[in-house]
Amino acid sequence: MTLLEFLVVPDSEYLLCTFTPGWRLGRDLATRDNGGGDDYAIALSESAGLIRCFYHESRVSPYGNDE
């Protein structure tokens, strides 16, 4: 995913992508933050995965309709 993001926005100086193997016992963590209020985190174990995403311009975001 990091490679795809780089191909879409190659000159983003604020993009931060990380992968932390062993983040917690038996779990790895991948994160992405574009510096503009959008981010996601993916936690993986041998048997499960959890994805948390935030897109600040989404219709369901409490921050998406700031005028």
PDB file of N, CA and C in Angstrom:
ATOM      1  N   MET A   1       0.814  -1.185   0.000  1.00  0.00           N
ATOM      2  CA  MET A   1       0.000   0.000   0.000  1.00  0.00           C
ATOM      3  C   MET A   1       0.866   1.259   0.000  1.00  0.00           C
ATOM      4  N   THR A   2       1.984   1.206   0.674  1.00  0.00           N
ATOM      5  CA  THR A   2       2.870   2.359   0.699  1.00  0.00           C
ATOM      6  C   THR A   2       3.372   2.690  -0.695  1.00  0.00           C
ATOM      7  N   LEU A   3       3.716   1.673  -1.459  1.00  0.00           N
ATOM      8  CA  LEU A   3       4.169   1.898  -2.828  1.00  0.00           C
ATOM      9  C   LEU A   3       3.055   2.518  -3.659  1.00  0.00           C
ATOM     10  N   LEU A   4       1.845   2.033  -3.517  1.00  0.00           N
ATOM     11  CA  LEU A   4       0.716   2.598  -4.250  1.00  0.00           C
ATOM     12  C   LEU A   4       0.513   4.066  -3.878  1.00  0.00           C
ATOM     13  N   GLU A   5       0.574   4.381  -2.616  1.00  0.00           N
ATOM     14  CA  GLU A   5       0.417   5.764  -2.173  1.00  0.00           C
ATOM     15  C   GLU A   5       1.512   6.647  -2.774  1.00  0.00           C
ATOM     16  N   PHE A   6       2.737   6.155  -2.794  1.00  0.00           N
ATOM     17  CA  PHE A   6       3.838   6.922  -3.374  1.00  0.00           C
ATOM     18  C   PHE A   6       3.615   7.166  -4.864  1.00  0.00           C
ATOM     19  N   LEU A   7       3.091   6.168  -5.560  1.00  0.00           N
ATOM     20  CA  LEU A   7       2.833   6.329  -6.987  1.00  0.00           C
ATOM     21  C   LEU A   7       1.733   7.344  -7.258  1.00  0.00           C
ATOM     22  N   VAL A   8       0.751   7.424  -6.363  1.00  0.00           N
ATOM     23  CA  VAL A   8      -0.357   8.364  -6.533  1.00  0.00           C
ATOM     24  C   VAL A   8       0.077   9.790  -6.162  1.00  0.00           C
ATOM     25  N   VAL A   9       0.826   9.928  -5.066  1.00  0.00           N
ATOM     26  CA  VAL A   9       1.260  11.248  -4.588  1.00  0.00           C
ATOM     27  C   VAL A   9       2.764  11.178  -4.281  1.00  0.00           C
ATOM     28  N   PRO A  10       3.614  11.188  -5.309  1.00  0.00           N
ATOM     29  CA  PRO A  10       5.046  10.970  -5.085  1.00  0.00           C
ATOM     30  C   PRO A  10       5.763  12.092  -4.350  1.00  0.00           C
ATOM     31  N   ASP A  11       5.239  13.313  -4.375  1.00  0.00           N
ATOM     32  CA  ASP A  11       5.958  14.425  -3.778  1.00  0.00           C
ATOM     33  C   ASP A  11       5.379  14.889  -2.448  1.00  0.00           C
ATOM     34  N   SER A  12       4.594  14.067  -1.805  1.00  0.00           N
ATOM     35  CA  SER A  12       3.983  14.459  -0.539  1.00  0.00           C
ATOM     36  C   SER A  12       5.033  14.446   0.567  1.00  0.00           C
ATOM     37  N   GLU A  13       5.375  15.625   1.063  1.00  0.00           N
ATOM     38  CA  GLU A  13       6.371  15.713   2.121  1.00  0.00           C
ATOM     39  C   GLU A  13       5.784  15.372   3.489  1.00  0.00           C
ATOM     40  N   TYR A  14       4.469  15.308   3.587  1.00  0.00           N
ATOM     41  CA  TYR A  14       3.817  15.055   4.869  1.00  0.00           C
ATOM     42  C   TYR A  14       3.384  13.607   5.053  1.00  0.00           C
ATOM     43  N   LEU A  15       3.472  12.794   4.015  1.00  0.00           N
ATOM     44  CA  LEU A  15       3.031  11.407   4.089  1.00  0.00           C
ATOM     45  C   LEU A  15       3.932  10.613   5.021  1.00  0.00           C
ATOM     46  N   LEU A  16       3.332   9.900   5.944  1.00  0.00           N
ATOM     47  CA  LEU A  16       4.083   9.069   6.879  1.00  0.00           C
ATOM     48  C   LEU A  16       3.480   7.672   6.881  1.00  0.00           C
ATOM     49  N   CYS A  17       4.258   6.688   6.447  1.00  0.00           N
ATOM     50  CA  CYS A  17       3.834   5.296   6.453  1.00  0.00           C
ATOM     51  C   CYS A  17       4.807   4.513   7.321  1.00  0.00           C
ATOM     52  N   THR A  18       4.266   3.675   8.190  1.00  0.00           N
ATOM     53  CA  THR A  18       5.132   2.878   9.057  1.00  0.00           C
ATOM     54  C   THR A  18       4.639   1.432   9.093  1.00  0.00           C
ATOM     55  N   PHE A  19       5.559   0.536   9.364  1.00  0.00           N
ATOM     56  CA  PHE A  19       5.221  -0.856   9.646  1.00  0.00           C
ATOM     57  C   PHE A  19       6.047  -1.262  10.854  1.00  0.00           C
ATOM     58  N   THR A  20       5.367  -1.746  11.888  1.00  0.00           N
ATOM     59  CA  THR A  20       6.030  -2.110  13.130  1.00  0.00           C
ATOM     60  C   THR A  20       5.763  -3.579  13.438  1.00  0.00           C
ATOM     61  N   PRO A  21       6.686  -4.465  13.024  1.00  0.00           N
ATOM     62  CA  PRO A  21       6.510  -5.880  13.384  1.00  0.00           C
ATOM     63  C   PRO A  21       6.700  -6.042  14.893  1.00  0.00           C
ATOM     64  N   GLY A  22       5.889  -6.875  15.498  1.00  0.00           N
ATOM     65  CA  GLY A  22       5.986  -7.085  16.941  1.00  0.00           C
ATOM     66  C   GLY A  22       5.502  -5.897  17.748  1.00  0.00           C
ATOM     67  N   TRP A  23       4.603  -5.102  17.180  1.00  0.00           N
ATOM     68  CA  TRP A  23       4.055  -3.926  17.857  1.00  0.00           C
ATOM     69  C   TRP A  23       3.503  -4.300  19.231  1.00  0.00           C
ATOM     70  N   ARG A  24       2.780  -5.370  19.285  1.00  0.00           N
ATOM     71  CA  ARG A  24       2.330  -6.006  20.532  1.00  0.00           C
ATOM     72  C   ARG A  24       2.639  -7.489  20.386  1.00  0.00           C
ATOM     73  N   LEU A  25       2.637  -8.223  21.456  1.00  0.00           N
ATOM     74  CA  LEU A  25       2.952  -9.644  21.421  1.00  0.00           C
ATOM     75  C   LEU A  25       2.060 -10.359  20.404  1.00  0.00           C
ATOM     76  N   GLY A  26       2.664 -10.884  19.344  1.00  0.00           N
ATOM     77  CA  GLY A  26       1.916 -11.602  18.322  1.00  0.00           C
ATOM     78  C   GLY A  26       1.164 -10.730  17.333  1.00  0.00           C
ATOM     79  N   ARG A  27       1.422  -9.425  17.352  1.00  0.00           N
ATOM     80  CA  ARG A  27       0.694  -8.511  16.469  1.00  0.00           C
ATOM     81  C   ARG A  27       1.652  -7.538  15.788  1.00  0.00           C
ATOM     82  N   ASP A  28       1.354  -7.243  14.524  1.00  0.00           N
ATOM     83  CA  ASP A  28       2.093  -6.250  13.755  1.00  0.00           C
ATOM     84  C   ASP A  28       1.167  -5.078  13.477  1.00  0.00           C
ATOM     85  N   LEU A  29       1.750  -3.912  13.209  1.00  0.00           N
ATOM     86  CA  LEU A  29       0.952  -2.718  12.962  1.00  0.00           C
ATOM     87  C   LEU A  29       1.485  -1.970  11.746  1.00  0.00           C
ATOM     88  N   ALA A  30       0.586  -1.617  10.836  1.00  0.00           N
ATOM     89  CA  ALA A  30       0.912  -0.766   9.692  1.00  0.00           C
ATOM     90  C   ALA A  30       0.059   0.489   9.801  1.00  0.00           C
ATOM     91  N   THR A  31       0.672   1.654   9.581  1.00  0.00           N
ATOM     92  CA  THR A  31      -0.066   2.907   9.650  1.00  0.00           C
ATOM     93  C   THR A  31       0.268   3.797   8.463  1.00  0.00           C
ATOM     94  N   ARG A  32      -0.641   4.708   8.176  1.00  0.00           N
ATOM     95  CA  ARG A  32      -0.437   5.703   7.128  1.00  0.00           C
ATOM     96  C   ARG A  32      -1.131   6.983   7.560  1.00  0.00           C
ATOM     97  N   ASP A  33      -0.437   8.084   7.438  1.00  0.00           N
ATOM     98  CA  ASP A  33      -0.987   9.396   7.766  1.00  0.00           C
ATOM     99  C   ASP A  33      -0.555  10.353   6.666  1.00  0.00           C
ATOM    100  N   ASN A  34      -1.510  11.045   6.040  1.00  0.00           N
ATOM    101  CA  ASN A  34      -1.152  11.930   4.932  1.00  0.00           C
ATOM    102  C   ASN A  34      -0.830  13.350   5.385  1.00  0.00           C
ATOM    103  N   GLY A  35      -0.886  13.616   6.681  1.00  0.00           N
ATOM    104  CA  GLY A  35      -0.577  14.941   7.186  1.00  0.00           C
ATOM    105  C   GLY A  35      -1.704  15.939   7.000  1.00  0.00           C
ATOM    106  N   GLY A  36      -2.795  15.513   6.388  1.00  0.00           N
ATOM    107  CA  GLY A  36      -3.917  16.407   6.144  1.00  0.00           C
ATOM    108  C   GLY A  36      -5.176  16.007   6.897  1.00  0.00           C
ATOM    109  N   GLY A  37      -5.047  15.088   7.835  1.00  0.00           N
ATOM    110  CA  GLY A  37      -6.199  14.679   8.620  1.00  0.00           C
ATOM    111  C   GLY A  37      -6.762  13.325   8.261  1.00  0.00           C
ATOM    112  N   ASP A  38      -6.173  12.645   7.288  1.00  0.00           N
ATOM    113  CA  ASP A  38      -6.636  11.314   6.898  1.00  0.00           C
ATOM    114  C   ASP A  38      -5.589  10.289   7.325  1.00  0.00           C
ATOM    115  N   ASP A  39      -6.045   9.187   7.892  1.00  0.00           N
ATOM    116  CA  ASP A  39      -5.092   8.164   8.310  1.00  0.00           C
ATOM    117  C   ASP A  39      -5.769   6.808   8.391  1.00  0.00           C
ATOM    118  N   TYR A  40      -4.957   5.767   8.473  1.00  0.00           N
ATOM    119  CA  TYR A  40      -5.467   4.437   8.761  1.00  0.00           C
ATOM    120  C   TYR A  40      -4.423   3.653   9.532  1.00  0.00           C
ATOM    121  N   ALA A  41      -4.893   2.641  10.230  1.00  0.00           N
ATOM    122  CA  ALA A  41      -4.026   1.723  10.954  1.00  0.00           C
ATOM    123  C   ALA A  41      -4.559   0.315  10.721  1.00  0.00           C
ATOM    124  N   ILE A  42      -3.643  -0.613  10.500  1.00  0.00           N
ATOM    125  CA  ILE A  42      -4.001  -2.012  10.299  1.00  0.00           C
ATOM    126  C   ILE A  42      -3.209  -2.839  11.290  1.00  0.00           C
ATOM    127  N   ALA A  43      -3.898  -3.521  12.178  1.00  0.00           N
ATOM    128  CA  ALA A  43      -3.265  -4.418  13.142  1.00  0.00           C
ATOM    129  C   ALA A  43      -3.498  -5.848  12.669  1.00  0.00           C
ATOM    130  N   LEU A  44      -2.434  -6.630  12.627  1.00  0.00           N
ATOM    131  CA  LEU A  44      -2.507  -8.004  12.126  1.00  0.00           C
ATOM    132  C   LEU A  44      -1.958  -8.981  13.148  1.00  0.00           C
ATOM    133  N   SER A  45      -2.638 -10.116  13.260  1.00  0.00           N
ATOM    134  CA  SER A  45      -2.122 -11.240  14.036  1.00  0.00           C
ATOM    135  C   SER A  45      -2.170 -12.451  13.122  1.00  0.00           C
ATOM    136  N   GLU A  46      -1.797 -13.606  13.632  1.00  0.00           N
ATOM    137  CA  GLU A  46      -1.830 -14.813  12.804  1.00  0.00           C
ATOM    138  C   GLU A  46      -3.246 -15.211  12.408  1.00  0.00           C
ATOM    139  N   SER A  47      -4.226 -14.840  13.218  1.00  0.00           N
ATOM    140  CA  SER A  47      -5.587 -15.302  12.956  1.00  0.00           C
ATOM    141  C   SER A  47      -6.601 -14.203  12.659  1.00  0.00           C
ATOM    142  N   ALA A  48      -6.201 -12.937  12.762  1.00  0.00           N
ATOM    143  CA  ALA A  48      -7.181 -11.864  12.576  1.00  0.00           C
ATOM    144  C   ALA A  48      -6.506 -10.576  12.128  1.00  0.00           C
ATOM    145  N   GLY A  49      -7.337  -9.642  11.705  1.00  0.00           N
ATOM    146  CA  GLY A  49      -6.869  -8.323  11.331  1.00  0.00           C
ATOM    147  C   GLY A  49      -7.916  -7.288  11.715  1.00  0.00           C
ATOM    148  N   LEU A  50      -7.453  -6.096  11.995  1.00  0.00           N
ATOM    149  CA  LEU A  50      -8.348  -5.002  12.356  1.00  0.00           C
ATOM    150  C   LEU A  50      -7.898  -3.771  11.580  1.00  0.00           C
ATOM    151  N   ILE A  51      -8.841  -3.113  10.922  1.00  0.00           N
ATOM    152  CA  ILE A  51      -8.535  -1.917  10.153  1.00  0.00           C
ATOM    153  C   ILE A  51      -9.336  -0.756  10.733  1.00  0.00           C
ATOM    154  N   ARG A  52      -8.657   0.347  11.006  1.00  0.00           N
ATOM    155  CA  ARG A  52      -9.309   1.565  11.471  1.00  0.00           C
ATOM    156  C   ARG A  52      -8.903   2.682  10.514  1.00  0.00           C
ATOM    157  N   CYS A  53      -9.888   3.358   9.941  1.00  0.00           N
ATOM    158  CA  CYS A  53      -9.624   4.421   8.968  1.00  0.00           C
ATOM    159  C   CYS A  53     -10.324   5.699   9.403  1.00  0.00           C
ATOM    160  N   PHE A  54      -9.730   6.827   9.028  1.00  0.00           N
ATOM    161  CA  PHE A  54     -10.376   8.111   9.264  1.00  0.00           C
ATOM    162  C   PHE A  54     -10.129   8.996   8.057  1.00  0.00           C
ATOM    163  N   TYR A  55     -11.211   9.483   7.452  1.00  0.00           N
ATOM    164  CA  TYR A  55     -11.160  10.387   6.316  1.00  0.00           C
ATOM    165  C   TYR A  55     -11.918  11.641   6.725  1.00  0.00           C
ATOM    166  N   HIS A  56     -11.208  12.740   6.957  1.00  0.00           N
ATOM    167  CA  HIS A  56     -11.837  13.913   7.565  1.00  0.00           C
ATOM    168  C   HIS A  56     -12.880  14.591   6.692  1.00  0.00           C
ATOM    169  N   GLU A  57     -12.903  14.348   5.386  1.00  0.00           N
ATOM    170  CA  GLU A  57     -13.906  14.961   4.521  1.00  0.00           C
ATOM    171  C   GLU A  57     -15.103  14.047   4.256  1.00  0.00           C
ATOM    172  N   SER A  58     -15.165  12.929   4.939  1.00  0.00           N
ATOM    173  CA  SER A  58     -16.276  12.001   4.780  1.00  0.00           C
ATOM    174  C   SER A  58     -17.586  12.637   5.263  1.00  0.00           C
ATOM    175  N   ARG A  59     -18.694  12.243   4.653  1.00  0.00           N
ATOM    176  CA  ARG A  59     -20.006  12.749   5.077  1.00  0.00           C
ATOM    177  C   ARG A  59     -20.323  12.358   6.507  1.00  0.00           C
ATOM    178  N   VAL A  60     -19.790  11.241   6.986  1.00  0.00           N
ATOM    179  CA  VAL A  60     -20.096  10.790   8.349  1.00  0.00           C
ATOM    180  C   VAL A  60     -19.107  11.320   9.379  1.00  0.00           C
ATOM    181  N   SER A  61     -18.085  12.020   8.938  1.00  0.00           N
ATOM    182  CA  SER A  61     -17.106  12.596   9.864  1.00  0.00           C
ATOM    183  C   SER A  61     -17.691  13.835  10.539  1.00  0.00           C
ATOM    184  N   PRO A  62     -17.457  13.978  11.832  1.00  0.00           N
ATOM    185  CA  PRO A  62     -17.935  15.204  12.494  1.00  0.00           C
ATOM    186  C   PRO A  62     -17.156  16.441  12.028  1.00  0.00           C
ATOM    187  N   TYR A  63     -16.040  16.251  11.332  1.00  0.00           N
ATOM    188  CA  TYR A  63     -15.218  17.360  10.865  1.00  0.00           C
ATOM    189  C   TYR A  63     -15.415  17.658   9.378  1.00  0.00           C
ATOM    190  N   GLY A  64     -16.176  16.835   8.668  1.00  0.00           N
ATOM    191  CA  GLY A  64     -16.325  16.972   7.229  1.00  0.00           C
ATOM    192  C   GLY A  64     -17.163  18.135   6.765  1.00  0.00           C
ATOM    193  N   ASN A  65     -17.973  18.677   7.653  1.00  0.00           N
ATOM    194  CA  ASN A  65     -18.891  19.749   7.247  1.00  0.00           C
ATOM    195  C   ASN A  65     -18.568  21.079   7.904  1.00  0.00           C
ATOM    196  N   ASP A  66     -17.331  21.256   8.349  1.00  0.00           N
ATOM    197  CA  ASP A  66     -16.945  22.541   8.944  1.00  0.00           C
ATOM    198  C   ASP A  66     -17.039  23.627   7.885  1.00  0.00           C
ATOM    199  N   GLU A  67     -17.701  24.666   8.205  1.00  0.00           N
ATOM    200  CA  GLU A  67     -17.857  25.792   7.260  1.00  0.00           C
ATOM    201  C   GLU A  67     -17.161  27.000   7.834  1.00  0.00           C
TER     202      GLU A  67
END
